[in-house]
Amino acid sequence: EPELLKLMCELGNSTVNQIYEAQCEGPGSRKPTASSSRQDKEAWIKDKYVEKKFLRKVPSAPAREAPRPWRVQKCHRHHSSPRAPAARRKVRLEPVLPSV
């Protein structure tokens, strides 16, 4: 998933670990160390990223509650004038030459 990988790169390792390891305090979910076996490390990585075992569970909304509509408002920049101020405007005046 390229979008997820890009997001992870932008967030940084510590932030991503806070998300993916939010609930890793339970029994049998001990983070491997540098001296842990390759098998333990691979199992941890699979549990963390594939199975997403350590993510904090999001409470589900009650079934009878209707979803709230979202509204997006466009932001407008405030410009005093579409033209440049008179002090900045440059006008080039050239003399009109008589035609020969």
Protein backbone atom coordinates (compact mmCIF):
# COMPACT_ATOMS: atom_id res chain seq x y z
CA GLU A 1 0.00 0.00 0.00
CA PRO A 2 2.03 2.96 -1.26
CA GLU A 3 -0.22 5.57 0.38
CA LEU A 4 0.22 3.98 3.80
CA LEU A 5 3.98 3.73 3.35
CA LYS A 6 4.15 7.40 2.34
CA LEU A 7 2.10 8.38 5.39
CA MET A 8 4.36 6.35 7.68
CA CYS A 9 7.44 8.03 6.24
CA GLU A 10 5.92 11.47 6.79
CA LEU A 11 4.82 10.73 10.37
CA GLY A 12 8.13 9.26 11.44
CA ASN A 13 9.09 6.12 13.33
CA SER A 14 8.23 7.27 16.85
CA THR A 15 4.73 8.46 15.89
CA VAL A 16 3.97 5.31 13.90
CA ASN A 17 5.19 3.17 16.83
CA GLN A 18 2.88 5.08 19.20
CA ILE A 19 -0.02 4.16 16.91
CA TYR A 20 0.88 0.55 16.10
CA GLU A 21 2.09 -0.28 19.64
CA ALA A 22 -0.66 1.51 21.59
CA GLN A 23 -1.90 -1.71 23.23
CA CYS A 24 1.19 -3.93 23.36
CA GLU A 25 1.28 -4.16 27.16
CA GLY A 26 -0.80 -7.34 27.36
CA PRO A 27 0.45 -10.83 28.24
CA GLY A 28 2.33 -12.61 25.47
CA SER A 29 2.90 -9.40 23.53
CA ARG A 30 6.46 -8.62 24.50
CA LYS A 31 8.44 -6.55 22.02
CA PRO A 32 11.51 -8.44 20.82
CA THR A 33 14.98 -7.12 21.58
CA ALA A 34 18.10 -7.06 19.42
CA SER A 35 19.10 -10.44 20.88
CA SER A 36 15.70 -12.08 20.18
CA SER A 37 15.50 -14.82 17.59
CA ARG A 38 14.62 -14.03 14.00
CA GLN A 39 11.45 -16.08 14.41
CA ASP A 40 10.33 -13.93 17.38
CA LYS A 41 11.05 -10.72 15.46
CA GLU A 42 9.12 -11.91 12.39
CA ALA A 43 6.15 -12.95 14.54
CA TRP A 44 6.17 -9.51 16.24
CA ILE A 45 6.28 -7.69 12.89
CA LYS A 46 3.41 -9.79 11.55
CA ASP A 47 1.33 -9.19 14.69
CA LYS A 48 2.11 -5.47 14.63
CA TYR A 49 1.65 -4.57 10.96
CA VAL A 50 -0.36 -7.38 9.34
CA GLU A 51 -2.67 -8.50 12.16
CA LYS A 52 -2.66 -5.02 13.78
CA LYS A 53 -2.98 -6.64 17.20
CA PHE A 54 -1.65 -3.70 19.18
CA LEU A 55 -3.75 -0.87 17.74
CA ARG A 56 -6.04 0.90 20.20
CA LYS A 57 -9.61 -0.15 19.53
CA VAL A 58 -11.93 2.65 18.42
CA PRO A 59 -15.23 2.57 20.29
CA SER A 60 -18.10 1.96 17.92
CA ALA A 61 -21.01 4.38 17.80
CA PRO A 62 -24.39 3.16 19.04
CA ALA A 63 -26.45 1.63 16.23
CA ARG A 64 -29.42 3.95 16.73
CA GLU A 65 -27.38 7.15 16.50
CA ALA A 66 -27.58 8.63 13.02
CA PRO A 67 -24.30 9.68 11.44
CA ARG A 68 -23.65 13.41 11.56
CA PRO A 69 -23.37 15.13 8.20
CA TRP A 70 -20.08 16.81 7.38
CA ARG A 71 -19.82 20.11 5.62
CA VAL A 72 -16.74 21.48 3.96
CA GLN A 73 -16.34 25.21 3.59
CA LYS A 74 -14.04 26.74 1.08
CA CYS A 75 -11.55 29.20 2.50
CA HIS A 76 -11.27 32.52 0.72
CA ARG A 77 -8.29 34.80 0.77
CA HIS A 78 -9.03 38.42 1.40
CA HIS A 79 -7.68 40.74 -1.26
CA SER A 80 -8.20 44.46 -1.12
CA SER A 81 -8.00 44.82 -4.87
CA PRO A 82 -7.29 42.51 -7.78
CA ARG A 83 -4.92 45.13 -9.19
CA ALA A 84 -1.57 46.20 -7.82
CA PRO A 85 -1.51 49.42 -5.79
CA ALA A 86 -0.94 52.63 -7.76
CA ALA A 87 2.51 53.11 -6.27
CA ARG A 88 3.62 49.79 -7.72
CA ARG A 89 1.95 50.08 -11.09
CA LYS A 90 4.39 50.93 -13.81
CA VAL A 91 3.22 52.51 -16.99
CA ARG A 92 5.55 52.74 -19.91
CA LEU A 93 4.91 55.79 -22.03
CA GLU A 94 6.48 55.90 -25.45
CA PRO A 95 6.33 58.83 -27.80
CA VAL A 96 4.30 58.27 -30.92
CA LEU A 97 6.51 58.62 -33.97
CA PRO A 98 5.01 60.21 -37.07
CA SER A 99 4.55 57.76 -39.88
CA VAL A 100 6.66 58.33 -42.95
